[in-house]
Amino acid sequence: MLTAMKRFLQLLGEMSHYRLPQAKLALQELAADDELVIVVPEQSLAGEIQQWATSQGFTVAAPKKILDGLPRWQLSVKKAVPVPVEEKPATAAPTPVAAPTPPPAPAPTSPAS
């Protein structure tokens, strides 16, 4: 059985327009149940990564600020393990039960003369 891996990606020295594509690429390479911890310099980038990863089905922990020198944001993204779906045999649709028919109305009688 394989164990989940925890990886780290720091996007602190990268040019700003390369950060999000690099994060996406790294996330797409994750195996099921692996975790990627991403460190970025801006809260807005952490939010963008969080939004994209969530839309792709990843589990994302709320970004947290690292108070170590320069401001940095860290978020943890985990690739969910696909849940096997048990196929059930198709059931026949229930047949509608016919409503009872009302009794026939009595025939009109002619007036006695």
PDB file of N, CA and C in Angstrom:
ATOM      1  N   MET A   1       0.845  -1.183   0.000  1.00  0.00           N
ATOM      2  CA  MET A   1       0.000   0.000   0.000  1.00  0.00           C
ATOM      3  C   MET A   1       0.887   1.242   0.000  1.00  0.00           C
ATOM      4  N   LEU A   2       0.561   2.200  -0.829  1.00  0.00           N
ATOM      5  CA  LEU A   2       1.331   3.433  -0.916  1.00  0.00           C
ATOM      6  C   LEU A   2       0.899   4.393   0.183  1.00  0.00           C
ATOM      7  N   THR A   3       1.865   5.142   0.693  1.00  0.00           N
ATOM      8  CA  THR A   3       1.529   6.147   1.697  1.00  0.00           C
ATOM      9  C   THR A   3       1.478   7.512   1.036  1.00  0.00           C
ATOM     10  N   ALA A   4       0.682   8.371   1.616  1.00  0.00           N
ATOM     11  CA  ALA A   4       0.536   9.724   1.075  1.00  0.00           C
ATOM     12  C   ALA A   4       1.836  10.496   1.257  1.00  0.00           C
ATOM     13  N   MET A   5       2.138  11.341   0.293  1.00  0.00           N
ATOM     14  CA  MET A   5       3.341  12.164   0.364  1.00  0.00           C
ATOM     15  C   MET A   5       2.959  13.604   0.666  1.00  0.00           C
ATOM     16  N   LYS A   6       3.827  14.274   1.393  1.00  0.00           N
ATOM     17  CA  LYS A   6       3.651  15.699   1.667  1.00  0.00           C
ATOM     18  C   LYS A   6       4.778  16.420   0.941  1.00  0.00           C
ATOM     19  N   ARG A   7       4.407  17.359   0.076  1.00  0.00           N
ATOM     20  CA  ARG A   7       5.391  18.108  -0.711  1.00  0.00           C
ATOM     21  C   ARG A   7       5.288  19.587  -0.371  1.00  0.00           C
ATOM     22  N   PHE A   8       6.324  20.315  -0.697  1.00  0.00           N
ATOM     23  CA  PHE A   8       6.358  21.750  -0.413  1.00  0.00           C
ATOM     24  C   PHE A   8       6.722  22.509  -1.683  1.00  0.00           C
ATOM     25  N   LEU A   9       6.071  23.655  -1.873  1.00  0.00           N
ATOM     26  CA  LEU A   9       6.340  24.506  -3.023  1.00  0.00           C
ATOM     27  C   LEU A   9       6.397  25.947  -2.542  1.00  0.00           C
ATOM     28  N   GLN A  10       7.562  26.582  -2.691  1.00  0.00           N
ATOM     29  CA  GLN A  10       7.705  27.992  -2.322  1.00  0.00           C
ATOM     30  C   GLN A  10       7.738  28.820  -3.598  1.00  0.00           C
ATOM     31  N   LEU A  11       6.844  29.790  -3.652  1.00  0.00           N
ATOM     32  CA  LEU A  11       6.765  30.660  -4.827  1.00  0.00           C
ATOM     33  C   LEU A  11       7.147  32.085  -4.447  1.00  0.00           C
ATOM     34  N   LEU A  12       8.184  32.227  -3.644  1.00  0.00           N
ATOM     35  CA  LEU A  12       8.564  33.541  -3.122  1.00  0.00           C
ATOM     36  C   LEU A  12       9.432  34.335  -4.083  1.00  0.00           C
ATOM     37  N   GLY A  13      10.315  33.711  -4.808  1.00  0.00           N
ATOM     38  CA  GLY A  13      11.220  34.447  -5.675  1.00  0.00           C
ATOM     39  C   GLY A  13      10.808  34.441  -7.131  1.00  0.00           C
ATOM     40  N   GLU A  14       9.668  33.874  -7.421  1.00  0.00           N
ATOM     41  CA  GLU A  14       9.215  33.751  -8.803  1.00  0.00           C
ATOM     42  C   GLU A  14       8.572  35.043  -9.291  1.00  0.00           C
ATOM     43  N   MET A  15       8.620  35.248 -10.597  1.00  0.00           N
ATOM     44  CA  MET A  15       7.932  36.400 -11.178  1.00  0.00           C
ATOM     45  C   MET A  15       6.433  36.209 -10.966  1.00  0.00           C
ATOM     46  N   SER A  16       5.730  37.294 -10.723  1.00  0.00           N
ATOM     47  CA  SER A  16       4.332  37.202 -10.315  1.00  0.00           C
ATOM     48  C   SER A  16       3.437  36.474 -11.314  1.00  0.00           C
ATOM     49  N   HIS A  17       3.666  36.637 -12.612  1.00  0.00           N
ATOM     50  CA  HIS A  17       2.771  35.987 -13.568  1.00  0.00           C
ATOM     51  C   HIS A  17       3.081  34.505 -13.770  1.00  0.00           C
ATOM     52  N   TYR A  18       4.127  33.982 -13.126  1.00  0.00           N
ATOM     53  CA  TYR A  18       4.435  32.554 -13.203  1.00  0.00           C
ATOM     54  C   TYR A  18       3.949  31.784 -11.984  1.00  0.00           C
ATOM     55  N   ARG A  19       3.576  32.475 -10.941  1.00  0.00           N
ATOM     56  CA  ARG A  19       3.259  31.806  -9.673  1.00  0.00           C
ATOM     57  C   ARG A  19       2.029  30.918  -9.760  1.00  0.00           C
ATOM     58  N   LEU A  20       0.917  31.456 -10.245  1.00  0.00           N
ATOM     59  CA  LEU A  20      -0.317  30.665 -10.314  1.00  0.00           C
ATOM     60  C   LEU A  20      -0.176  29.476 -11.269  1.00  0.00           C
ATOM     61  N   PRO A  21       0.374  29.651 -12.476  1.00  0.00           N
ATOM     62  CA  PRO A  21       0.554  28.477 -13.350  1.00  0.00           C
ATOM     63  C   PRO A  21       1.454  27.403 -12.731  1.00  0.00           C
ATOM     64  N   GLN A  22       2.489  27.817 -11.989  1.00  0.00           N
ATOM     65  CA  GLN A  22       3.362  26.833 -11.351  1.00  0.00           C
ATOM     66  C   GLN A  22       2.619  26.067 -10.265  1.00  0.00           C
ATOM     67  N   ALA A  23       1.793  26.769  -9.504  1.00  0.00           N
ATOM     68  CA  ALA A  23       1.007  26.106  -8.461  1.00  0.00           C
ATOM     69  C   ALA A  23       0.030  25.115  -9.089  1.00  0.00           C
ATOM     70  N   LYS A  24      -0.630  25.520 -10.166  1.00  0.00           N
ATOM     71  CA  LYS A  24      -1.584  24.634 -10.846  1.00  0.00           C
ATOM     72  C   LYS A  24      -0.887  23.373 -11.352  1.00  0.00           C
ATOM     73  N   LEU A  25       0.267  23.553 -11.976  1.00  0.00           N
ATOM     74  CA  LEU A  25       1.012  22.418 -12.509  1.00  0.00           C
ATOM     75  C   LEU A  25       1.407  21.454 -11.389  1.00  0.00           C
ATOM     76  N   ALA A  26       1.908  21.993 -10.291  1.00  0.00           N
ATOM     77  CA  ALA A  26       2.312  21.150  -9.162  1.00  0.00           C
ATOM     78  C   ALA A  26       1.111  20.398  -8.588  1.00  0.00           C
ATOM     79  N   LEU A  27      -0.038  21.058  -8.524  1.00  0.00           N
ATOM     80  CA  LEU A  27      -1.232  20.402  -7.982  1.00  0.00           C
ATOM     81  C   LEU A  27      -1.734  19.302  -8.915  1.00  0.00           C
ATOM     82  N   GLN A  28      -1.639  19.519 -10.207  1.00  0.00           N
ATOM     83  CA  GLN A  28      -2.103  18.512 -11.163  1.00  0.00           C
ATOM     84  C   GLN A  28      -1.240  17.254 -11.126  1.00  0.00           C
ATOM     85  N   GLU A  29      -0.009  17.382 -10.638  1.00  0.00           N
ATOM     86  CA  GLU A  29       0.893  16.235 -10.568  1.00  0.00           C
ATOM     87  C   GLU A  29       0.720  15.425  -9.288  1.00  0.00           C
ATOM     88  N   LEU A  30      -0.118  15.889  -8.364  1.00  0.00           N
ATOM     89  CA  LEU A  30      -0.315  15.164  -7.111  1.00  0.00           C
ATOM     90  C   LEU A  30      -1.035  13.845  -7.348  1.00  0.00           C
ATOM     91  N   ALA A  31      -0.625  12.842  -6.598  1.00  0.00           N
ATOM     92  CA  ALA A  31      -1.342  11.566  -6.613  1.00  0.00           C
ATOM     93  C   ALA A  31      -2.452  11.637  -5.566  1.00  0.00           C
ATOM     94  N   ALA A  32      -3.385  10.711  -5.634  1.00  0.00           N
ATOM     95  CA  ALA A  32      -4.498  10.689  -4.681  1.00  0.00           C
ATOM     96  C   ALA A  32      -3.960  10.621  -3.255  1.00  0.00           C
ATOM     97  N   ASP A  33      -4.507  11.431  -2.395  1.00  0.00           N
ATOM     98  CA  ASP A  33      -4.191  11.523  -0.967  1.00  0.00           C
ATOM     99  C   ASP A  33      -2.867  12.234  -0.677  1.00  0.00           C
ATOM    100  N   ASP A  34      -2.168  12.737  -1.699  1.00  0.00           N
ATOM    101  CA  ASP A  34      -0.955  13.525  -1.473  1.00  0.00           C
ATOM    102  C   ASP A  34      -1.335  14.934  -1.045  1.00  0.00           C
ATOM    103  N   GLU A  35      -0.391  15.596  -0.395  1.00  0.00           N
ATOM    104  CA  GLU A  35      -0.617  16.959   0.092  1.00  0.00           C
ATOM    105  C   GLU A  35       0.501  17.862  -0.417  1.00  0.00           C
ATOM    106  N   LEU A  36       0.126  19.073  -0.804  1.00  0.00           N
ATOM    107  CA  LEU A  36       1.102  20.063  -1.244  1.00  0.00           C
ATOM    108  C   LEU A  36       0.938  21.298  -0.376  1.00  0.00           C
ATOM    109  N   VAL A  37       2.006  21.696   0.287  1.00  0.00           N
ATOM    110  CA  VAL A  37       2.008  22.910   1.095  1.00  0.00           C
ATOM    111  C   VAL A  37       2.662  23.994   0.246  1.00  0.00           C
ATOM    112  N   ILE A  38       1.914  25.053  -0.021  1.00  0.00           N
ATOM    113  CA  ILE A  38       2.384  26.122  -0.904  1.00  0.00           C
ATOM    114  C   ILE A  38       2.610  27.382  -0.083  1.00  0.00           C
ATOM    115  N   VAL A  39       3.765  28.013  -0.272  1.00  0.00           N
ATOM    116  CA  VAL A  39       4.090  29.267   0.412  1.00  0.00           C
ATOM    117  C   VAL A  39       4.187  30.357  -0.647  1.00  0.00           C
ATOM    118  N   VAL A  40       3.403  31.421  -0.447  1.00  0.00           N
ATOM    119  CA  VAL A  40       3.355  32.528  -1.409  1.00  0.00           C
ATOM    120  C   VAL A  40       3.541  33.855  -0.678  1.00  0.00           C
ATOM    121  N   PRO A  41       3.952  34.909  -1.399  1.00  0.00           N
ATOM    122  CA  PRO A  41       4.202  36.190  -0.750  1.00  0.00           C
ATOM    123  C   PRO A  41       2.958  37.056  -0.542  1.00  0.00           C
ATOM    124  N   GLU A  42       1.862  36.745  -1.219  1.00  0.00           N
ATOM    125  CA  GLU A  42       0.685  37.618  -1.122  1.00  0.00           C
ATOM    126  C   GLU A  42      -0.565  36.837  -0.758  1.00  0.00           C
ATOM    127  N   GLN A  43      -1.404  37.471   0.051  1.00  0.00           N
ATOM    128  CA  GLN A  43      -2.669  36.859   0.442  1.00  0.00           C
ATOM    129  C   GLN A  43      -3.576  36.660  -0.776  1.00  0.00           C
ATOM    130  N   SER A  44      -3.549  37.613  -1.709  1.00  0.00           N
ATOM    131  CA  SER A  44      -4.415  37.504  -2.891  1.00  0.00           C
ATOM    132  C   SER A  44      -4.066  36.273  -3.725  1.00  0.00           C
ATOM    133  N   LEU A  45      -2.779  35.963  -3.846  1.00  0.00           N
ATOM    134  CA  LEU A  45      -2.363  34.779  -4.595  1.00  0.00           C
ATOM    135  C   LEU A  45      -2.800  33.510  -3.868  1.00  0.00           C
ATOM    136  N   ALA A  46      -2.690  33.512  -2.555  1.00  0.00           N
ATOM    137  CA  ALA A  46      -3.157  32.359  -1.776  1.00  0.00           C
ATOM    138  C   ALA A  46      -4.645  32.137  -2.026  1.00  0.00           C
ATOM    139  N   GLY A  47      -5.407  33.224  -2.088  1.00  0.00           N
ATOM    140  CA  GLY A  47      -6.840  33.126  -2.360  1.00  0.00           C
ATOM    141  C   GLY A  47      -7.132  32.597  -3.755  1.00  0.00           C
ATOM    142  N   GLU A  48      -6.359  33.048  -4.740  1.00  0.00           N
ATOM    143  CA  GLU A  48      -6.541  32.569  -6.118  1.00  0.00           C
ATOM    144  C   GLU A  48      -6.264  31.071  -6.220  1.00  0.00           C
ATOM    145  N   ILE A  49      -5.185  30.643  -5.585  1.00  0.00           N
ATOM    146  CA  ILE A  49      -4.838  29.216  -5.612  1.00  0.00           C
ATOM    147  C   ILE A  49      -5.924  28.412  -4.907  1.00  0.00           C
ATOM    148  N   GLN A  50      -6.381  28.920  -3.768  1.00  0.00           N
ATOM    149  CA  GLN A  50      -7.430  28.228  -3.015  1.00  0.00           C
ATOM    150  C   GLN A  50      -8.701  28.086  -3.855  1.00  0.00           C
ATOM    151  N   GLN A  51      -9.098  29.154  -4.514  1.00  0.00           N
ATOM    152  CA  GLN A  51     -10.319  29.134  -5.325  1.00  0.00           C
ATOM    153  C   GLN A  51     -10.186  28.147  -6.490  1.00  0.00           C
ATOM    154  N   TRP A  52      -9.057  28.183  -7.190  1.00  0.00           N
ATOM    155  CA  TRP A  52      -8.866  27.283  -8.321  1.00  0.00           C
ATOM    156  C   TRP A  52      -8.831  25.828  -7.856  1.00  0.00           C
ATOM    157  N   ALA A  53      -8.062  25.552  -6.795  1.00  0.00           N
ATOM    158  CA  ALA A  53      -7.926  24.171  -6.321  1.00  0.00           C
ATOM    159  C   ALA A  53      -9.267  23.610  -5.854  1.00  0.00           C
ATOM    160  N   THR A  54     -10.049  24.427  -5.169  1.00  0.00           N
ATOM    161  CA  THR A  54     -11.366  23.983  -4.713  1.00  0.00           C
ATOM    162  C   THR A  54     -12.260  23.662  -5.907  1.00  0.00           C
ATOM    163  N   SER A  55     -12.198  24.492  -6.943  1.00  0.00           N
ATOM    164  CA  SER A  55     -13.034  24.256  -8.128  1.00  0.00           C
ATOM    165  C   SER A  55     -12.625  22.979  -8.865  1.00  0.00           C
ATOM    166  N   GLN A  56     -11.396  22.514  -8.647  1.00  0.00           N
ATOM    167  CA  GLN A  56     -10.909  21.298  -9.293  1.00  0.00           C
ATOM    168  C   GLN A  56     -11.093  20.058  -8.422  1.00  0.00           C
ATOM    169  N   GLY A  57     -11.730  20.219  -7.246  1.00  0.00           N
ATOM    170  CA  GLY A  57     -12.015  19.069  -6.386  1.00  0.00           C
ATOM    171  C   GLY A  57     -10.973  18.782  -5.324  1.00  0.00           C
ATOM    172  N   PHE A  58      -9.997  19.671  -5.145  1.00  0.00           N
ATOM    173  CA  PHE A  58      -9.000  19.483  -4.097  1.00  0.00           C
ATOM    174  C   PHE A  58      -9.573  19.937  -2.756  1.00  0.00           C
ATOM    175  N   THR A  59      -9.033  19.390  -1.679  1.00  0.00           N
ATOM    176  CA  THR A  59      -9.385  19.840  -0.339  1.00  0.00           C
ATOM    177  C   THR A  59      -8.337  20.869   0.065  1.00  0.00           C
ATOM    178  N   VAL A  60      -8.781  22.063   0.438  1.00  0.00           N
ATOM    179  CA  VAL A  60      -7.852  23.152   0.727  1.00  0.00           C
ATOM    180  C   VAL A  60      -8.103  23.682   2.131  1.00  0.00           C
ATOM    181  N   ALA A  61      -7.038  23.719   2.934  1.00  0.00           N
ATOM    182  CA  ALA A  61      -7.133  24.337   4.254  1.00  0.00           C
ATOM    183  C   ALA A  61      -7.062  25.847   4.073  1.00  0.00           C
ATOM    184  N   ALA A  62      -7.669  26.574   4.984  1.00  0.00           N
ATOM    185  CA  ALA A  62      -7.653  28.037   4.903  1.00  0.00           C
ATOM    186  C   ALA A  62      -6.210  28.539   4.933  1.00  0.00           C
ATOM    187  N   PRO A  63      -5.872  29.489   4.060  1.00  0.00           N
ATOM    188  CA  PRO A  63      -4.512  30.037   4.070  1.00  0.00           C
ATOM    189  C   PRO A  63      -4.208  30.689   5.416  1.00  0.00           C
ATOM    190  N   LYS A  64      -2.974  30.528   5.861  1.00  0.00           N
ATOM    191  CA  LYS A  64      -2.594  31.172   7.122  1.00  0.00           C
ATOM    192  C   LYS A  64      -1.332  31.993   6.917  1.00  0.00           C
ATOM    193  N   LYS A  65      -1.268  33.083   7.658  1.00  0.00           N
ATOM    194  CA  LYS A  65      -0.128  33.991   7.552  1.00  0.00           C
ATOM    195  C   LYS A  65       1.019  33.449   8.393  1.00  0.00           C
ATOM    196  N   ILE A  66       2.198  33.443   7.802  1.00  0.00           N
ATOM    197  CA  ILE A  66       3.399  33.020   8.518  1.00  0.00           C
ATOM    198  C   ILE A  66       4.073  34.283   9.038  1.00  0.00           C
ATOM    199  N   LEU A  67       4.239  34.366  10.318  1.00  0.00           N
ATOM    200  CA  LEU A  67       4.843  35.564  10.924  1.00  0.00           C
ATOM    201  C   LEU A  67       6.328  35.324  11.154  1.00  0.00           C
ATOM    202  N   ASP A  68       7.059  35.181  10.072  1.00  0.00           N
ATOM    203  CA  ASP A  68       8.489  34.902  10.161  1.00  0.00           C
ATOM    204  C   ASP A  68       9.215  35.831   9.193  1.00  0.00           C
ATOM    205  N   GLY A  69       9.565  37.021   9.669  1.00  0.00           N
ATOM    206  CA  GLY A  69      10.240  37.979   8.795  1.00  0.00           C
ATOM    207  C   GLY A  69       9.266  38.618   7.832  1.00  0.00           C
ATOM    208  N   LEU A  70       9.504  38.447   6.543  1.00  0.00           N
ATOM    209  CA  LEU A  70       8.627  39.012   5.522  1.00  0.00           C
ATOM    210  C   LEU A  70       7.265  38.318   5.557  1.00  0.00           C
ATOM    211  N   PRO A  71       6.212  39.067   5.256  1.00  0.00           N
ATOM    212  CA  PRO A  71       4.889  38.428   5.272  1.00  0.00           C
ATOM    213  C   PRO A  71       4.783  37.358   4.184  1.00  0.00           C
ATOM    214  N   ARG A  72       4.304  36.209   4.582  1.00  0.00           N
ATOM    215  CA  ARG A  72       4.104  35.091   3.665  1.00  0.00           C
ATOM    216  C   ARG A  72       2.801  34.396   4.033  1.00  0.00           C
ATOM    217  N   TRP A  73       2.256  33.722   3.081  1.00  0.00           N
ATOM    218  CA  TRP A  73       1.019  32.975   3.290  1.00  0.00           C
ATOM    219  C   TRP A  73       1.256  31.522   2.914  1.00  0.00           C
ATOM    220  N   GLN A  74       0.702  30.639   3.726  1.00  0.00           N
ATOM    221  CA  GLN A  74       0.863  29.203   3.491  1.00  0.00           C
ATOM    222  C   GLN A  74      -0.512  28.559   3.382  1.00  0.00           C
ATOM    223  N   LEU A  75      -0.668  27.718   2.389  1.00  0.00           N
ATOM    224  CA  LEU A  75      -1.908  26.955   2.310  1.00  0.00           C
ATOM    225  C   LEU A  75      -1.588  25.509   1.987  1.00  0.00           C
ATOM    226  N   SER A  76      -2.392  24.634   2.526  1.00  0.00           N
ATOM    227  CA  SER A  76      -2.201  23.206   2.359  1.00  0.00           C
ATOM    228  C   SER A  76      -3.318  22.666   1.470  1.00  0.00           C
ATOM    229  N   VAL A  77      -2.925  21.987   0.402  1.00  0.00           N
ATOM    230  CA  VAL A  77      -3.892  21.461  -0.563  1.00  0.00           C
ATOM    231  C   VAL A  77      -3.709  19.949  -0.636  1.00  0.00           C
ATOM    232  N   LYS A  78      -4.815  19.237  -0.559  1.00  0.00           N
ATOM    233  CA  LYS A  78      -4.757  17.779  -0.581  1.00  0.00           C
ATOM    234  C   LYS A  78      -5.647  17.256  -1.699  1.00  0.00           C
ATOM    235  N   LYS A  79      -5.121  16.294  -2.428  1.00  0.00           N
ATOM    236  CA  LYS A  79      -5.914  15.673  -3.493  1.00  0.00           C
ATOM    237  C   LYS A  79      -6.761  14.578  -2.861  1.00  0.00           C
ATOM    238  N   ALA A  80      -8.052  14.685  -3.052  1.00  0.00           N
ATOM    239  CA  ALA A  80      -8.977  13.730  -2.452  1.00  0.00           C
ATOM    240  C   ALA A  80      -8.832  12.356  -3.100  1.00  0.00           C
ATOM    241  N   VAL A  81      -9.064  11.342  -2.281  1.00  0.00           N
ATOM    242  CA  VAL A  81      -9.052   9.976  -2.779  1.00  0.00           C
ATOM    243  C   VAL A  81     -10.416   9.702  -3.391  1.00  0.00           C
ATOM    244  N   PRO A  82     -10.470   9.252  -4.633  1.00  0.00           N
ATOM    245  CA  PRO A  82     -11.774   8.970  -5.227  1.00  0.00           C
ATOM    246  C   PRO A  82     -12.463   7.830  -4.487  1.00  0.00           C
ATOM    247  N   VAL A  83     -13.719   8.039  -4.189  1.00  0.00           N
ATOM    248  CA  VAL A  83     -14.500   7.029  -3.490  1.00  0.00           C
ATOM    249  C   VAL A  83     -15.079   6.077  -4.529  1.00  0.00           C
ATOM    250  N   PRO A  84     -14.816   4.772  -4.357  1.00  0.00           N
ATOM    251  CA  PRO A  84     -15.373   3.840  -5.338  1.00  0.00           C
ATOM    252  C   PRO A  84     -16.895   3.836  -5.253  1.00  0.00           C
ATOM    253  N   VAL A  85     -17.515   3.851  -6.395  1.00  0.00           N
ATOM    254  CA  VAL A  85     -18.971   3.853  -6.454  1.00  0.00           C
ATOM    255  C   VAL A  85     -19.438   2.433  -6.727  1.00  0.00           C
ATOM    256  N   GLU A  86     -20.276   1.935  -5.838  1.00  0.00           N
ATOM    257  CA  GLU A  86     -20.801   0.587  -6.016  1.00  0.00           C
ATOM    258  C   GLU A  86     -21.969   0.656  -6.982  1.00  0.00           C
ATOM    259  N   GLU A  87     -21.861  -0.106  -8.042  1.00  0.00           N
ATOM    260  CA  GLU A  87     -22.945  -0.096  -9.019  1.00  0.00           C
ATOM    261  C   GLU A  87     -24.052  -1.010  -8.535  1.00  0.00           C
ATOM    262  N   LYS A  88     -25.247  -0.484  -8.549  1.00  0.00           N
ATOM    263  CA  LYS A  88     -26.405  -1.266  -8.135  1.00  0.00           C
ATOM    264  C   LYS A  88     -27.189  -1.643  -9.379  1.00  0.00           C
ATOM    265  N   PRO A  89     -27.795  -2.840  -9.364  1.00  0.00           N
ATOM    266  CA  PRO A  89     -28.597  -3.199 -10.533  1.00  0.00           C
ATOM    267  C   PRO A  89     -29.780  -2.255 -10.666  1.00  0.00           C
ATOM    268  N   ALA A  90     -30.128  -1.981 -11.889  1.00  0.00           N
ATOM    269  CA  ALA A  90     -31.247  -1.074 -12.134  1.00  0.00           C
ATOM    270  C   ALA A  90     -32.530  -1.729 -11.644  1.00  0.00           C
ATOM    271  N   THR A  91     -33.306  -0.977 -10.918  1.00  0.00           N
ATOM    272  CA  THR A  91     -34.578  -1.504 -10.434  1.00  0.00           C
ATOM    273  C   THR A  91     -35.665  -1.090 -11.403  1.00  0.00           C
ATOM    274  N   ALA A  92     -36.646  -1.975 -11.545  1.00  0.00           N
ATOM    275  CA  ALA A  92     -37.764  -1.670 -12.435  1.00  0.00           C
ATOM    276  C   ALA A  92     -38.603  -0.579 -11.801  1.00  0.00           C
ATOM    277  N   ALA A  93     -39.100   0.292 -12.626  1.00  0.00           N
ATOM    278  CA  ALA A  93     -39.948   1.372 -12.120  1.00  0.00           C
ATOM    279  C   ALA A  93     -41.241   0.761 -11.594  1.00  0.00           C
ATOM    280  N   PRO A  94     -41.723   1.256 -10.459  1.00  0.00           N
ATOM    281  CA  PRO A  94     -42.967   0.695  -9.926  1.00  0.00           C
ATOM    282  C   PRO A  94     -44.117   0.977 -10.885  1.00  0.00           C
ATOM    283  N   THR A  95     -44.963  -0.031 -11.044  1.00  0.00           N
ATOM    284  CA  THR A  95     -46.113   0.146 -11.933  1.00  0.00           C
ATOM    285  C   THR A  95     -47.198   0.881 -11.177  1.00  0.00           C
ATOM    286  N   PRO A  96     -47.808   1.866 -11.805  1.00  0.00           N
ATOM    287  CA  PRO A  96     -48.843   2.611 -11.100  1.00  0.00           C
ATOM    288  C   PRO A  96     -50.063   1.728 -10.868  1.00  0.00           C
ATOM    289  N   VAL A  97     -50.641   1.879  -9.713  1.00  0.00           N
ATOM    290  CA  VAL A  97     -51.837   1.121  -9.357  1.00  0.00           C
ATOM    291  C   VAL A  97     -53.026   1.880  -9.905  1.00  0.00           C
ATOM    292  N   ALA A  98     -53.903   1.161 -10.615  1.00  0.00           N
ATOM    293  CA  ALA A  98     -55.081   1.808 -11.198  1.00  0.00           C
ATOM    294  C   ALA A  98     -56.066   2.162 -10.089  1.00  0.00           C
ATOM    295  N   ALA A  99     -56.638   3.327 -10.197  1.00  0.00           N
ATOM    296  CA  ALA A  99     -57.637   3.754  -9.213  1.00  0.00           C
ATOM    297  C   ALA A  99     -58.914   2.956  -9.447  1.00  0.00           C
ATOM    298  N   PRO A 100     -59.635   2.651  -8.366  1.00  0.00           N
ATOM    299  CA  PRO A 100     -60.879   1.898  -8.556  1.00  0.00           C
ATOM    300  C   PRO A 100     -61.855   2.714  -9.395  1.00  0.00           C
ATOM    301  N   THR A 101     -62.589   2.015 -10.256  1.00  0.00           N
ATOM    302  CA  THR A 101     -63.554   2.713 -11.112  1.00  0.00           C
ATOM    303  C   THR A 101     -64.813   3.007 -10.309  1.00  0.00           C
ATOM    304  N   PRO A 102     -65.367   4.196 -10.474  1.00  0.00           N
ATOM    305  CA  PRO A 102     -66.577   4.529  -9.710  1.00  0.00           C
ATOM    306  C   PRO A 102     -67.760   3.718 -10.243  1.00  0.00           C
ATOM    307  N   PRO A 103     -68.735   3.425  -9.364  1.00  0.00           N
ATOM    308  CA  PRO A 103     -69.908   2.662  -9.820  1.00  0.00           C
ATOM    309  C   PRO A 103     -70.680   3.485 -10.841  1.00  0.00           C
ATOM    310  N   PRO A 104     -71.383   2.820 -11.773  1.00  0.00           N
ATOM    311  CA  PRO A 104     -72.129   3.561 -12.786  1.00  0.00           C
ATOM    312  C   PRO A 104     -73.266   4.357 -12.145  1.00  0.00           C
ATOM    313  N   ALA A 105     -73.555   5.494 -12.725  1.00  0.00           N
ATOM    314  CA  ALA A 105     -74.628   6.347 -12.204  1.00  0.00           C
ATOM    315  C   ALA A 105     -75.973   5.687 -12.515  1.00  0.00           C
ATOM    316  N   PRO A 106     -76.948   5.819 -11.604  1.00  0.00           N
ATOM    317  CA  PRO A 106     -78.256   5.209 -11.876  1.00  0.00           C
ATOM    318  C   PRO A 106     -78.905   5.870 -13.090  1.00  0.00           C
ATOM    319  N   ALA A 107     -79.658   5.062 -13.860  1.00  0.00           N
ATOM    320  CA  ALA A 107     -80.343   5.564 -15.054  1.00  0.00           C
ATOM    321  C   ALA A 107     -81.488   6.473 -14.627  1.00  0.00           C
ATOM    322  N   PRO A 108     -81.702   7.555 -15.359  1.00  0.00           N
ATOM    323  CA  PRO A 108     -82.806   8.445 -14.983  1.00  0.00           C
ATOM    324  C   PRO A 108     -84.148   7.721 -15.184  1.00  0.00           C
ATOM    325  N   THR A 109     -85.028   7.947 -14.267  1.00  0.00           N
ATOM    326  CA  THR A 109     -86.358   7.319 -14.354  1.00  0.00           C
ATOM    327  C   THR A 109     -87.341   8.321 -14.924  1.00  0.00           C
ATOM    328  N   SER A 110     -88.308   7.807 -15.685  1.00  0.00           N
ATOM    329  CA  SER A 110     -89.307   8.709 -16.246  1.00  0.00           C
ATOM    330  C   SER A 110     -90.400   8.947 -15.210  1.00  0.00           C
ATOM    331  N   PRO A 111     -90.968  10.134 -15.192  1.00  0.00           N
ATOM    332  CA  PRO A 111     -92.001  10.430 -14.186  1.00  0.00           C
ATOM    333  C   PRO A 111     -93.251   9.575 -14.448  1.00  0.00           C
ATOM    334  N   ALA A 112     -93.863   9.126 -13.379  1.00  0.00           N
ATOM    335  CA  ALA A 112     -95.074   8.307 -13.505  1.00  0.00           C
ATOM    336  C   ALA A 112     -96.250   9.198 -13.881  1.00  0.00           C
ATOM    337  N   SER A 113     -97.051   8.802 -14.848  1.00  0.00           N
ATOM    338  CA  SER A 113     -98.185   9.610 -15.240  1.00  0.00           C
ATOM    339  C   SER A 113     -99.474   9.004 -14.778  1.00  0.00           C
TER     340      SER A 113
END
